[in-house]
């Protein structure tokens, strides 16, 4: 018997591949996984920014229903870059200084400020510059920056400004083009980022989730059971990937050692789905957004996933 046809969008993460290939099937659903934007009218939902979903909840916009499925996570110490040979050698050197960032409001940039607090820096005292990391800056028509935040001059990238000494650091999820650990003019502030990220996890409990899966409200209203079915299926796909990775740890020469080290610090289920396993991280995320003035109030986990919880 054919199931209810649902199309979702998502990047090609290895953790969701068992769903994309049909190895894992949601109960009662004929699922199609696509690479499009979740707002595409031809799909019923998909991967989306945790921050953008948070802002909608804060404003009472309930057109999407969030699932406690987090396909993208990333630690943030590795994303902090400085100029080779510059004056910045340790986090304290950045107090009150100029840091470039790709977005002021994105999920990752919220977690960046959370990490800065962890290393003893006040994000409110930083001089923020918001622009493109490697692309010459062309200001979007709709961009509105908060007081104290700045944009590069047209035609300048944040990497250019860092190399020229006009910034002391930049935060970037992809490695800047001028980065090289041995020879490039841009280097990481934390070359051995693994250890401070271990410490961050042990003290905060956060392996920062940045994206979640959403469903269009009309699709959920018509069949509320699909939220639970899809959540369970994403969890099963996650388990399937984890088992395969353990059984065949050959993607890199020392993946087995890496997995053993990770489990020793973070436990077996280090990329968890589900509400309770992620409650503290969601509260930390929404709390940081509120402290930064990005939301009008501290959105609770129950409010963030109110529809999912209501659907049973």
C-alpha atoms as a PDB file:
ATOM      1  CA  UNK A   1       0.000   0.000   0.000  1.00  0.00           C
ATOM      2  CA  UNK A   2       1.425   3.385  -1.017  1.00  0.00           C
ATOM      3  CA  UNK A   3       2.036   5.861   1.767  1.00  0.00           C
ATOM      4  CA  UNK A   4       1.272   9.574   1.962  1.00  0.00           C
ATOM      5  CA  UNK A   5       3.559  11.368  -0.482  1.00  0.00           C
ATOM      6  CA  UNK A   6       5.831  13.872   1.272  1.00  0.00           C
ATOM      7  CA  UNK A   7       8.732  15.796  -0.287  1.00  0.00           C
ATOM      8  CA  UNK A   8      11.395  17.300   1.968  1.00  0.00           C
ATOM      9  CA  UNK A   9      14.567  19.233   1.168  1.00  0.00           C
ATOM     10  CA  UNK A  10      17.931  18.609   2.783  1.00  0.00           C
ATOM     11  CA  UNK A  11      21.631  18.794   2.004  1.00  0.00           C
ATOM     12  CA  UNK A  12      23.429  15.551   1.179  1.00  0.00           C
ATOM     13  CA  UNK A  13      24.466  14.757   4.740  1.00  0.00           C
ATOM     14  CA  UNK A  14      25.630  11.181   5.230  1.00  0.00           C
ATOM     15  CA  UNK A  15      23.288  10.934   8.209  1.00  0.00           C
ATOM     16  CA  UNK A  16      20.202  11.410   6.050  1.00  0.00           C
ATOM     17  CA  UNK A  17      21.326   9.259   3.113  1.00  0.00           C
ATOM     18  CA  UNK A  18      19.505   6.142   4.395  1.00  0.00           C
ATOM     19  CA  UNK A  19      16.277   8.143   3.999  1.00  0.00           C
ATOM     20  CA  UNK A  20      17.224   9.484   0.576  1.00  0.00           C
ATOM     21  CA  UNK A  21      18.082   6.007  -0.738  1.00  0.00           C
ATOM     22  CA  UNK A  22      15.010   4.366   0.782  1.00  0.00           C
ATOM     23  CA  UNK A  23      17.015   2.119   3.097  1.00  0.00           C
ATOM     24  CA  UNK A  24      14.975   3.710   5.914  1.00  0.00           C
ATOM     25  CA  UNK A  25      11.303   4.437   5.254  1.00  0.00           C
ATOM     26  CA  UNK A  26       9.018   6.581   7.453  1.00  0.00           C
ATOM     27  CA  UNK A  27       5.935   4.672   8.575  1.00  0.00           C
ATOM     28  CA  UNK A  28       2.950   5.560   6.401  1.00  0.00           C
ATOM     29  CA  UNK A  29       4.921   7.980   4.212  1.00  0.00           C
ATOM     30  CA  UNK A  30       6.317   7.756   0.688  1.00  0.00           C
ATOM     31  CA  UNK A  31       9.208  10.160   1.223  1.00  0.00           C
ATOM     32  CA  UNK A  32      11.104  12.034  -1.467  1.00  0.00           C
ATOM     33  CA  UNK A  33      14.289  13.879  -0.478  1.00  0.00           C
ATOM     34  CA  UNK A  34      15.328  16.827  -2.657  1.00  0.00           C
ATOM     35  CA  UNK A  35      17.995  19.515  -2.777  1.00  0.00           C
ATOM     36  CA  UNK A  36      15.922  22.702  -2.850  1.00  0.00           C
ATOM     37  CA  UNK A  37      14.974  25.474  -0.471  1.00  0.00           C
ATOM     38  CA  UNK A  38      12.504  24.441   2.201  1.00  0.00           C
ATOM     39  CA  UNK A  39      10.304  27.395   1.144  1.00  0.00           C
ATOM     40  CA  UNK A  40       9.863  25.915  -2.343  1.00  0.00           C
ATOM     41  CA  UNK A  41       6.067  25.648  -2.842  1.00  0.00           C
ATOM     42  CA  UNK A  42       6.520  22.194  -4.387  1.00  0.00           C
ATOM     43  CA  UNK A  43       7.698  20.598  -1.128  1.00  0.00           C
ATOM     44  CA  UNK A  44       6.149  20.012   2.281  1.00  0.00           C
ATOM     45  CA  UNK A  45       9.188  21.181   4.256  1.00  0.00           C
ATOM     46  CA  UNK A  46      12.810  20.327   4.921  1.00  0.00           C
ATOM     47  CA  UNK A  47      16.065  21.648   6.375  1.00  0.00           C
ATOM     48  CA  UNK A  48      15.990  25.179   7.713  1.00  0.00           C
ATOM     49  CA  UNK A  49      17.876  27.625   9.920  1.00  0.00           C
ATOM     50  CA  UNK A  50      17.245  27.268  13.657  1.00  0.00           C
ATOM     51  CA  UNK A  51      17.597  31.032  13.991  1.00  0.00           C
ATOM     52  CA  UNK A  52      15.064  31.885  11.288  1.00  0.00           C
ATOM     53  CA  UNK A  53      12.596  29.468  12.860  1.00  0.00           C
ATOM     54  CA  UNK A  54      13.234  31.036  16.283  1.00  0.00           C
ATOM     55  CA  UNK A  55      12.535  34.536  14.950  1.00  0.00           C
ATOM     56  CA  UNK A  56       9.231  33.384  13.470  1.00  0.00           C
ATOM     57  CA  UNK A  57       8.187  31.796  16.763  1.00  0.00           C
ATOM     58  CA  UNK A  58       9.103  34.998  18.611  1.00  0.00           C
ATOM     59  CA  UNK A  59       6.822  36.974  16.266  1.00  0.00           C
ATOM     60  CA  UNK A  60       3.939  34.494  16.490  1.00  0.00           C
ATOM     61  CA  UNK A  61       4.442  33.225  12.938  1.00  0.00           C
ATOM     62  CA  UNK A  62       3.428  29.551  13.002  1.00  0.00           C
ATOM     63  CA  UNK A  63       3.368  28.745   9.305  1.00  0.00           C
ATOM     64  CA  UNK A  64       6.001  26.025   9.858  1.00  0.00           C
ATOM     65  CA  UNK A  65       6.141  23.186  12.382  1.00  0.00           C
ATOM     66  CA  UNK A  66       9.603  22.348  13.704  1.00  0.00           C
ATOM     67  CA  UNK A  67      10.770  18.800  14.352  1.00  0.00           C
ATOM     68  CA  UNK A  68      13.523  17.978  16.895  1.00  0.00           C
ATOM     69  CA  UNK A  69      15.771  16.745  14.084  1.00  0.00           C
ATOM     70  CA  UNK A  70      19.098  18.552  13.665  1.00  0.00           C
ATOM     71  CA  UNK A  71      20.938  17.498  10.493  1.00  0.00           C
ATOM     72  CA  UNK A  72      23.679  20.136  10.839  1.00  0.00           C
ATOM     73  CA  UNK A  73      25.829  20.752  13.900  1.00  0.00           C
ATOM     74  CA  UNK A  74      29.202  22.441  14.194  1.00  0.00           C
ATOM     75  CA  UNK A  75      31.602  23.510  16.908  1.00  0.00           C
ATOM     76  CA  UNK A  76      32.792  27.076  16.536  1.00  0.00           C
ATOM     77  CA  UNK A  77      36.354  27.454  17.843  1.00  0.00           C
ATOM     78  CA  UNK A  78      37.654  26.198  14.481  1.00  0.00           C
ATOM     79  CA  UNK A  79      35.862  29.053  12.670  1.00  0.00           C
ATOM     80  CA  UNK A  80      37.779  31.893  14.332  1.00  0.00           C
ATOM     81  CA  UNK A  81      40.592  33.187  12.097  1.00  0.00           C
ATOM     82  CA  UNK A  82      43.298  35.806  12.669  1.00  0.00           C
ATOM     83  CA  UNK A  83      46.141  37.359  10.703  1.00  0.00           C
ATOM     84  CA  UNK A  84      49.434  35.457  10.665  1.00  0.00           C
ATOM     85  CA  UNK A  85      52.011  37.412  12.638  1.00  0.00           C
ATOM     86  CA  UNK A  86      49.378  39.780  14.039  1.00  0.00           C
ATOM     87  CA  UNK A  87      48.843  40.887  17.616  1.00  0.00           C
ATOM     88  CA  UNK A  88      46.083  38.380  18.420  1.00  0.00           C
ATOM     89  CA  UNK A  89      47.547  35.333  20.148  1.00  0.00           C
ATOM     90  CA  UNK A  90      44.840  34.404  22.666  1.00  0.00           C
ATOM     91  CA  UNK A  91      41.119  35.112  23.180  1.00  0.00           C
ATOM     92  CA  UNK A  92      41.740  37.936  25.664  1.00  0.00           C
ATOM     93  CA  UNK A  93      43.543  39.863  22.924  1.00  0.00           C
ATOM     94  CA  UNK A  94      40.200  40.239  21.121  1.00  0.00           C
ATOM     95  CA  UNK A  95      38.473  42.147  23.927  1.00  0.00           C
ATOM     96  CA  UNK A  96      36.826  45.198  22.403  1.00  0.00           C
ATOM     97  CA  UNK A  97      38.489  44.605  19.037  1.00  0.00           C
ATOM     98  CA  UNK A  98      37.183  44.328  15.445  1.00  0.00           C
ATOM     99  CA  UNK A  99      35.795  40.969  14.293  1.00  0.00           C
ATOM    100  CA  UNK A 100      34.216  40.270  10.904  1.00  0.00           C
ATOM    101  CA  UNK A 101      31.317  37.850  10.544  1.00  0.00           C
ATOM    102  CA  UNK A 102      29.174  36.649   7.629  1.00  0.00           C
ATOM    103  CA  UNK A 103      25.856  37.404   9.358  1.00  0.00           C
ATOM    104  CA  UNK A 104      24.711  39.060  12.554  1.00  0.00           C
ATOM    105  CA  UNK A 105      21.581  36.953  12.955  1.00  0.00           C
ATOM    106  CA  UNK A 106      22.390  33.479  11.561  1.00  0.00           C
ATOM    107  CA  UNK A 107      22.324  30.359  13.726  1.00  0.00           C
ATOM    108  CA  UNK A 108      26.091  29.997  13.539  1.00  0.00           C
ATOM    109  CA  UNK A 109      26.724  33.604  14.531  1.00  0.00           C
ATOM    110  CA  UNK A 110      24.536  33.159  17.616  1.00  0.00           C
ATOM    111  CA  UNK A 111      26.659  30.180  18.637  1.00  0.00           C
ATOM    112  CA  UNK A 112      29.815  32.225  17.893  1.00  0.00           C
ATOM    113  CA  UNK A 113      28.801  34.768  20.547  1.00  0.00           C
ATOM    114  CA  UNK A 114      27.957  31.899  22.938  1.00  0.00           C
ATOM    115  CA  UNK A 115      31.508  30.566  22.467  1.00  0.00           C
ATOM    116  CA  UNK A 116      33.045  34.005  23.000  1.00  0.00           C
ATOM    117  CA  UNK A 117      31.315  34.218  26.370  1.00  0.00           C
ATOM    118  CA  UNK A 118      32.755  30.783  27.163  1.00  0.00           C
ATOM    119  CA  UNK A 119      36.310  32.074  26.600  1.00  0.00           C
ATOM    120  CA  UNK A 120      35.645  35.184  28.698  1.00  0.00           C
ATOM    121  CA  UNK A 121      34.802  37.775  26.042  1.00  0.00           C
ATOM    122  CA  UNK A 122      31.775  40.077  26.025  1.00  0.00           C
ATOM    123  CA  UNK A 123      30.182  40.013  22.534  1.00  0.00           C
ATOM    124  CA  UNK A 124      28.602  43.411  23.210  1.00  0.00           C
ATOM    125  CA  UNK A 125      32.063  44.949  23.517  1.00  0.00           C
ATOM    126  CA  UNK A 126      33.247  43.589  20.167  1.00  0.00           C
ATOM    127  CA  UNK A 127      33.231  45.897  17.122  1.00  0.00           C
ATOM    128  CA  UNK A 128      31.359  43.739  14.606  1.00  0.00           C
ATOM    129  CA  UNK A 129      31.774  43.991  10.836  1.00  0.00           C
ATOM    130  CA  UNK A 130      29.205  42.087   8.792  1.00  0.00           C
ATOM    131  CA  UNK A 131      29.948  41.173   5.179  1.00  0.00           C
ATOM    132  CA  UNK A 132      31.177  38.511   2.786  1.00  0.00           C
ATOM    133  CA  UNK A 133      34.218  36.483   3.750  1.00  0.00           C
ATOM    134  CA  UNK A 134      35.943  36.260   0.351  1.00  0.00           C
ATOM    135  CA  UNK A 135      33.586  37.966  -2.108  1.00  0.00           C
ATOM    136  CA  UNK A 136      33.920  41.727  -2.692  1.00  0.00           C
ATOM    137  CA  UNK A 137      31.130  43.259  -0.662  1.00  0.00           C
ATOM    138  CA  UNK A 138      27.962  44.429  -2.360  1.00  0.00           C
ATOM    139  CA  UNK A 139      25.428  45.537   0.260  1.00  0.00           C
ATOM    140  CA  UNK A 140      21.970  43.926  -0.042  1.00  0.00           C
ATOM    141  CA  UNK A 141      19.102  46.363  -0.382  1.00  0.00           C
ATOM    142  CA  UNK A 142      17.323  44.981   2.679  1.00  0.00           C
ATOM    143  CA  UNK A 143      20.278  44.816   5.078  1.00  0.00           C
ATOM    144  CA  UNK A 144      19.708  46.523   8.413  1.00  0.00           C
ATOM    145  CA  UNK A 145      22.526  46.293  10.938  1.00  0.00           C
ATOM    146  CA  UNK A 146      22.093  46.936  14.666  1.00  0.00           C
ATOM    147  CA  UNK A 147      23.752  49.949  16.315  1.00  0.00           C
ATOM    148  CA  UNK A 148      27.486  49.408  16.606  1.00  0.00           C
ATOM    149  CA  UNK A 149      27.719  46.907  13.737  1.00  0.00           C
ATOM    150  CA  UNK A 150      29.423  47.953  10.510  1.00  0.00           C
ATOM    151  CA  UNK A 151      29.584  46.868   6.876  1.00  0.00           C
ATOM    152  CA  UNK A 152      32.709  46.819   4.679  1.00  0.00           C
ATOM    153  CA  UNK A 153      33.168  49.375   1.969  1.00  0.00           C
ATOM    154  CA  UNK A 154      31.764  48.235  -1.352  1.00  0.00           C
ATOM    155  CA  UNK A 155      34.201  45.923  -3.105  1.00  0.00           C
ATOM    156  CA  UNK A 156      36.027  44.845   0.079  1.00  0.00           C
ATOM    157  CA  UNK A 157      35.832  41.368   1.583  1.00  0.00           C
ATOM    158  CA  UNK A 158      36.310  40.596   5.263  1.00  0.00           C
ATOM    159  CA  UNK A 159      39.379  38.526   4.403  1.00  0.00           C
ATOM    160  CA  UNK A 160      40.877  41.539   2.617  1.00  0.00           C
ATOM    161  CA  UNK A 161      40.238  43.666   5.691  1.00  0.00           C
ATOM    162  CA  UNK A 162      41.807  41.084   8.015  1.00  0.00           C
ATOM    163  CA  UNK A 163      44.947  40.765   5.910  1.00  0.00           C
ATOM    164  CA  UNK A 164      45.215  44.568   5.690  1.00  0.00           C
ATOM    165  CA  UNK A 165      45.000  44.918   9.483  1.00  0.00           C
ATOM    166  CA  UNK A 166      41.596  46.596   9.402  1.00  0.00           C
ATOM    167  CA  UNK A 167      40.117  43.696  11.400  1.00  0.00           C
ATOM    168  CA  UNK A 168      41.682  41.606  14.145  1.00  0.00           C
ATOM    169  CA  UNK A 169      39.725  38.422  13.380  1.00  0.00           C
ATOM    170  CA  UNK A 170      36.953  36.920  11.270  1.00  0.00           C
ATOM    171  CA  UNK A 171      34.438  34.195  11.997  1.00  0.00           C
ATOM    172  CA  UNK A 172      33.735  31.993   8.980  1.00  0.00           C
ATOM    173  CA  UNK A 173      32.102  28.539   8.614  1.00  0.00           C
ATOM    174  CA  UNK A 174      33.979  27.705   5.371  1.00  0.00           C
ATOM    175  CA  UNK A 175      37.736  28.144   5.495  1.00  0.00           C
ATOM    176  CA  UNK A 176      38.702  31.535   4.004  1.00  0.00           C
ATOM    177  CA  UNK A 177      40.474  31.201   0.673  1.00  0.00           C
ATOM    178  CA  UNK A 178      43.624  32.807   2.095  1.00  0.00           C
ATOM    179  CA  UNK A 179      43.782  30.356   5.001  1.00  0.00           C
ATOM    180  CA  UNK A 180      46.622  27.866   5.163  1.00  0.00           C
ATOM    181  CA  UNK A 181      47.957  26.406   8.442  1.00  0.00           C
ATOM    182  CA  UNK A 182      51.606  26.709   7.360  1.00  0.00           C
ATOM    183  CA  UNK A 183      51.918  29.416   4.721  1.00  0.00           C
ATOM    184  CA  UNK A 184      48.719  31.434   4.399  1.00  0.00           C
ATOM    185  CA  UNK A 185      48.271  35.015   5.629  1.00  0.00           C
ATOM    186  CA  UNK A 186      45.174  33.848   7.554  1.00  0.00           C
ATOM    187  CA  UNK A 187      45.422  31.208  10.308  1.00  0.00           C
ATOM    188  CA  UNK A 188      43.194  29.841  13.052  1.00  0.00           C
ATOM    189  CA  UNK A 189      43.325  31.410  16.497  1.00  0.00           C
ATOM    190  CA  UNK A 190      42.997  27.854  17.824  1.00  0.00           C
ATOM    191  CA  UNK A 191      45.146  25.675  15.538  1.00  0.00           C
ATOM    192  CA  UNK A 192      44.493  22.650  17.756  1.00  0.00           C
ATOM    193  CA  UNK A 193      40.799  23.474  18.020  1.00  0.00           C
ATOM    194  CA  UNK A 194      39.768  19.983  19.073  1.00  0.00           C
ATOM    195  CA  UNK A 195      40.827  20.427  22.700  1.00  0.00           C
ATOM    196  CA  UNK A 196      39.040  23.705  23.381  1.00  0.00           C
ATOM    197  CA  UNK A 197      35.939  22.328  21.665  1.00  0.00           C
ATOM    198  CA  UNK A 198      36.141  19.293  23.948  1.00  0.00           C
ATOM    199  CA  UNK A 199      36.289  21.672  26.913  1.00  0.00           C
ATOM    200  CA  UNK A 200      33.396  23.725  25.566  1.00  0.00           C
ATOM    201  CA  UNK A 201      31.264  20.597  25.203  1.00  0.00           C
ATOM    202  CA  UNK A 202      32.133  19.248  28.659  1.00  0.00           C
ATOM    203  CA  UNK A 203      31.305  22.554  30.356  1.00  0.00           C
ATOM    204  CA  UNK A 204      28.264  23.648  28.313  1.00  0.00           C
ATOM    205  CA  UNK A 205      26.883  20.338  27.023  1.00  0.00           C
ATOM    206  CA  UNK A 206      26.511  21.895  23.563  1.00  0.00           C
ATOM    207  CA  UNK A 207      27.441  20.369  20.231  1.00  0.00           C
ATOM    208  CA  UNK A 208      25.804  23.364  18.538  1.00  0.00           C
ATOM    209  CA  UNK A 209      22.777  22.454  16.402  1.00  0.00           C
ATOM    210  CA  UNK A 210      22.314  24.970  13.598  1.00  0.00           C
ATOM    211  CA  UNK A 211      19.606  23.552  11.326  1.00  0.00           C
ATOM    212  CA  UNK A 212      16.387  21.659  11.983  1.00  0.00           C
ATOM    213  CA  UNK A 213      13.694  20.011   9.890  1.00  0.00           C
ATOM    214  CA  UNK A 214      10.408  21.865   9.421  1.00  0.00           C
ATOM    215  CA  UNK A 215       7.021  20.921   7.923  1.00  0.00           C
ATOM    216  CA  UNK A 216       4.542  23.297   6.347  1.00  0.00           C
ATOM    217  CA  UNK A 217       1.617  23.848   8.680  1.00  0.00           C
ATOM    218  CA  UNK A 218      -0.975  22.861   6.099  1.00  0.00           C
ATOM    219  CA  UNK A 219       0.715  19.490   5.602  1.00  0.00           C
ATOM    220  CA  UNK A 220       0.928  18.947   9.354  1.00  0.00           C
ATOM    221  CA  UNK A 221      -2.654  20.066  10.002  1.00  0.00           C
ATOM    222  CA  UNK A 222      -3.924  17.560   7.448  1.00  0.00           C
ATOM    223  CA  UNK A 223      -1.979  14.652   9.001  1.00  0.00           C
ATOM    224  CA  UNK A 224      -0.458  15.483  12.366  1.00  0.00           C
ATOM    225  CA  UNK A 225       0.983  12.003  12.756  1.00  0.00           C
ATOM    226  CA  UNK A 226       3.595  12.747  10.070  1.00  0.00           C
ATOM    227  CA  UNK A 227       5.645  14.816  12.549  1.00  0.00           C
ATOM    228  CA  UNK A 228       6.273  11.816  14.780  1.00  0.00           C
ATOM    229  CA  UNK A 229       6.745   9.437  11.846  1.00  0.00           C
ATOM    230  CA  UNK A 230       9.337  11.681  10.195  1.00  0.00           C
ATOM    231  CA  UNK A 231      11.174  12.345  13.462  1.00  0.00           C
ATOM    232  CA  UNK A 232      11.442   8.626  14.135  1.00  0.00           C
ATOM    233  CA  UNK A 233      12.596   7.967  10.570  1.00  0.00           C
ATOM    234  CA  UNK A 234      15.334  10.614  10.744  1.00  0.00           C
ATOM    235  CA  UNK A 235      16.425   9.040  14.011  1.00  0.00           C
ATOM    236  CA  UNK A 236      16.508   5.590  12.414  1.00  0.00           C
ATOM    237  CA  UNK A 237      18.571   6.946   9.514  1.00  0.00           C
ATOM    238  CA  UNK A 238      20.958   8.526  12.000  1.00  0.00           C
ATOM    239  CA  UNK A 239      21.329   5.179  13.778  1.00  0.00           C
ATOM    240  CA  UNK A 240      21.846   3.425  10.446  1.00  0.00           C
ATOM    241  CA  UNK A 241      24.632   5.812   9.479  1.00  0.00           C
ATOM    242  CA  UNK A 242      26.291   5.500  12.885  1.00  0.00           C
ATOM    243  CA  UNK A 243      26.272   1.712  12.695  1.00  0.00           C
ATOM    244  CA  UNK A 244      27.770   1.771   9.186  1.00  0.00           C
ATOM    245  CA  UNK A 245      30.460   4.218  10.249  1.00  0.00           C
ATOM    246  CA  UNK A 246      31.420   1.977  13.167  1.00  0.00           C
ATOM    247  CA  UNK A 247      31.402  -1.151  11.039  1.00  0.00           C
ATOM    248  CA  UNK A 248      33.406   0.359   8.182  1.00  0.00           C
ATOM    249  CA  UNK A 249      35.516   3.211   9.633  1.00  0.00           C
ATOM    250  CA  UNK A 250      37.618   3.657   6.513  1.00  0.00           C
ATOM    251  CA  UNK A 251      36.526   7.027   5.113  1.00  0.00           C
ATOM    252  CA  UNK A 252      39.826   8.483   6.363  1.00  0.00           C
ATOM    253  CA  UNK A 253      42.984   6.626   7.458  1.00  0.00           C
ATOM    254  CA  UNK A 254      42.449   7.295  11.178  1.00  0.00           C
ATOM    255  CA  UNK A 255      38.673   7.582  11.389  1.00  0.00           C
ATOM    256  CA  UNK A 256      38.497   4.720  13.897  1.00  0.00           C
ATOM    257  CA  UNK A 257      40.815   6.568  16.299  1.00  0.00           C
ATOM    258  CA  UNK A 258      38.783   9.746  15.780  1.00  0.00           C
ATOM    259  CA  UNK A 259      35.525   7.943  16.564  1.00  0.00           C
ATOM    260  CA  UNK A 260      36.992   6.385  19.696  1.00  0.00           C
ATOM    261  CA  UNK A 261      38.221   9.780  20.921  1.00  0.00           C
ATOM    262  CA  UNK A 262      34.863  11.404  20.182  1.00  0.00           C
ATOM    263  CA  UNK A 263      32.883   8.736  22.010  1.00  0.00           C
ATOM    264  CA  UNK A 264      35.228   8.967  24.987  1.00  0.00           C
ATOM    265  CA  UNK A 265      34.412  12.677  25.346  1.00  0.00           C
ATOM    266  CA  UNK A 266      30.833  12.967  24.057  1.00  0.00           C
ATOM    267  CA  UNK A 267      29.337   9.494  24.461  1.00  0.00           C
ATOM    268  CA  UNK A 268      28.000   7.053  21.895  1.00  0.00           C
ATOM    269  CA  UNK A 269      25.130   9.259  20.698  1.00  0.00           C
ATOM    270  CA  UNK A 270      27.102  12.429  20.025  1.00  0.00           C
ATOM    271  CA  UNK A 271      24.765  13.703  17.272  1.00  0.00           C
ATOM    272  CA  UNK A 272      21.406  13.228  19.003  1.00  0.00           C
ATOM    273  CA  UNK A 273      17.921  13.857  17.654  1.00  0.00           C
ATOM    274  CA  UNK A 274      14.809  14.248  19.802  1.00  0.00           C
ATOM    275  CA  UNK A 275      13.618  16.971  22.136  1.00  0.00           C
ATOM    276  CA  UNK A 276      14.861  15.867  25.542  1.00  0.00           C
ATOM    277  CA  UNK A 277      18.396  15.032  24.385  1.00  0.00           C
ATOM    278  CA  UNK A 278      18.628  18.557  22.960  1.00  0.00           C
ATOM    279  CA  UNK A 279      16.651  20.559  25.505  1.00  0.00           C
ATOM    280  CA  UNK A 280      19.655  22.217  27.157  1.00  0.00           C
ATOM    281  CA  UNK A 281      21.162  23.157  23.790  1.00  0.00           C
ATOM    282  CA  UNK A 282      17.912  24.675  22.511  1.00  0.00           C
ATOM    283  CA  UNK A 283      17.577  26.696  25.706  1.00  0.00           C
ATOM    284  CA  UNK A 284      21.186  27.879  25.442  1.00  0.00           C
ATOM    285  CA  UNK A 285      20.583  28.903  21.820  1.00  0.00           C
ATOM    286  CA  UNK A 286      17.352  30.800  22.479  1.00  0.00           C
ATOM    287  CA  UNK A 287      18.854  32.315  25.629  1.00  0.00           C
ATOM    288  CA  UNK A 288      21.844  33.640  23.695  1.00  0.00           C
ATOM    289  CA  UNK A 289      19.577  35.065  20.986  1.00  0.00           C
ATOM    290  CA  UNK A 290      17.610  36.905  23.675  1.00  0.00           C
ATOM    291  CA  UNK A 291      20.773  38.249  25.354  1.00  0.00           C
ATOM    292  CA  UNK A 292      21.879  39.578  21.968  1.00  0.00           C
ATOM    293  CA  UNK A 293      18.565  41.376  21.490  1.00  0.00           C
ATOM    294  CA  UNK A 294      17.588  39.237  18.505  1.00  0.00           C
ATOM    295  CA  UNK A 295      14.301  38.132  20.096  1.00  0.00           C
ATOM    296  CA  UNK A 296      11.849  40.038  22.255  1.00  0.00           C
ATOM    297  CA  UNK A 297      11.803  37.334  24.936  1.00  0.00           C
ATOM    298  CA  UNK A 298      13.483  34.085  25.892  1.00  0.00           C
ATOM    299  CA  UNK A 299      11.660  31.450  23.830  1.00  0.00           C
ATOM    300  CA  UNK A 300      11.316  28.200  25.778  1.00  0.00           C
ATOM    301  CA  UNK A 301      11.871  24.728  24.370  1.00  0.00           C
ATOM    302  CA  UNK A 302       8.158  24.008  24.844  1.00  0.00           C
ATOM    303  CA  UNK A 303       7.256  27.056  22.761  1.00  0.00           C
ATOM    304  CA  UNK A 304       9.892  26.308  20.130  1.00  0.00           C
ATOM    305  CA  UNK A 305       8.428  22.832  19.593  1.00  0.00           C
ATOM    306  CA  UNK A 306       4.871  23.563  20.729  1.00  0.00           C
ATOM    307  CA  UNK A 307       3.187  22.111  17.641  1.00  0.00           C
ATOM    308  CA  UNK A 308       5.322  18.981  17.683  1.00  0.00           C
ATOM    309  CA  UNK A 309       4.460  18.418  21.345  1.00  0.00           C
ATOM    310  CA  UNK A 310       0.779  19.137  20.713  1.00  0.00           C
ATOM    311  CA  UNK A 311       0.722  16.550  17.971  1.00  0.00           C
ATOM    312  CA  UNK A 312       1.723  13.849  20.450  1.00  0.00           C
END
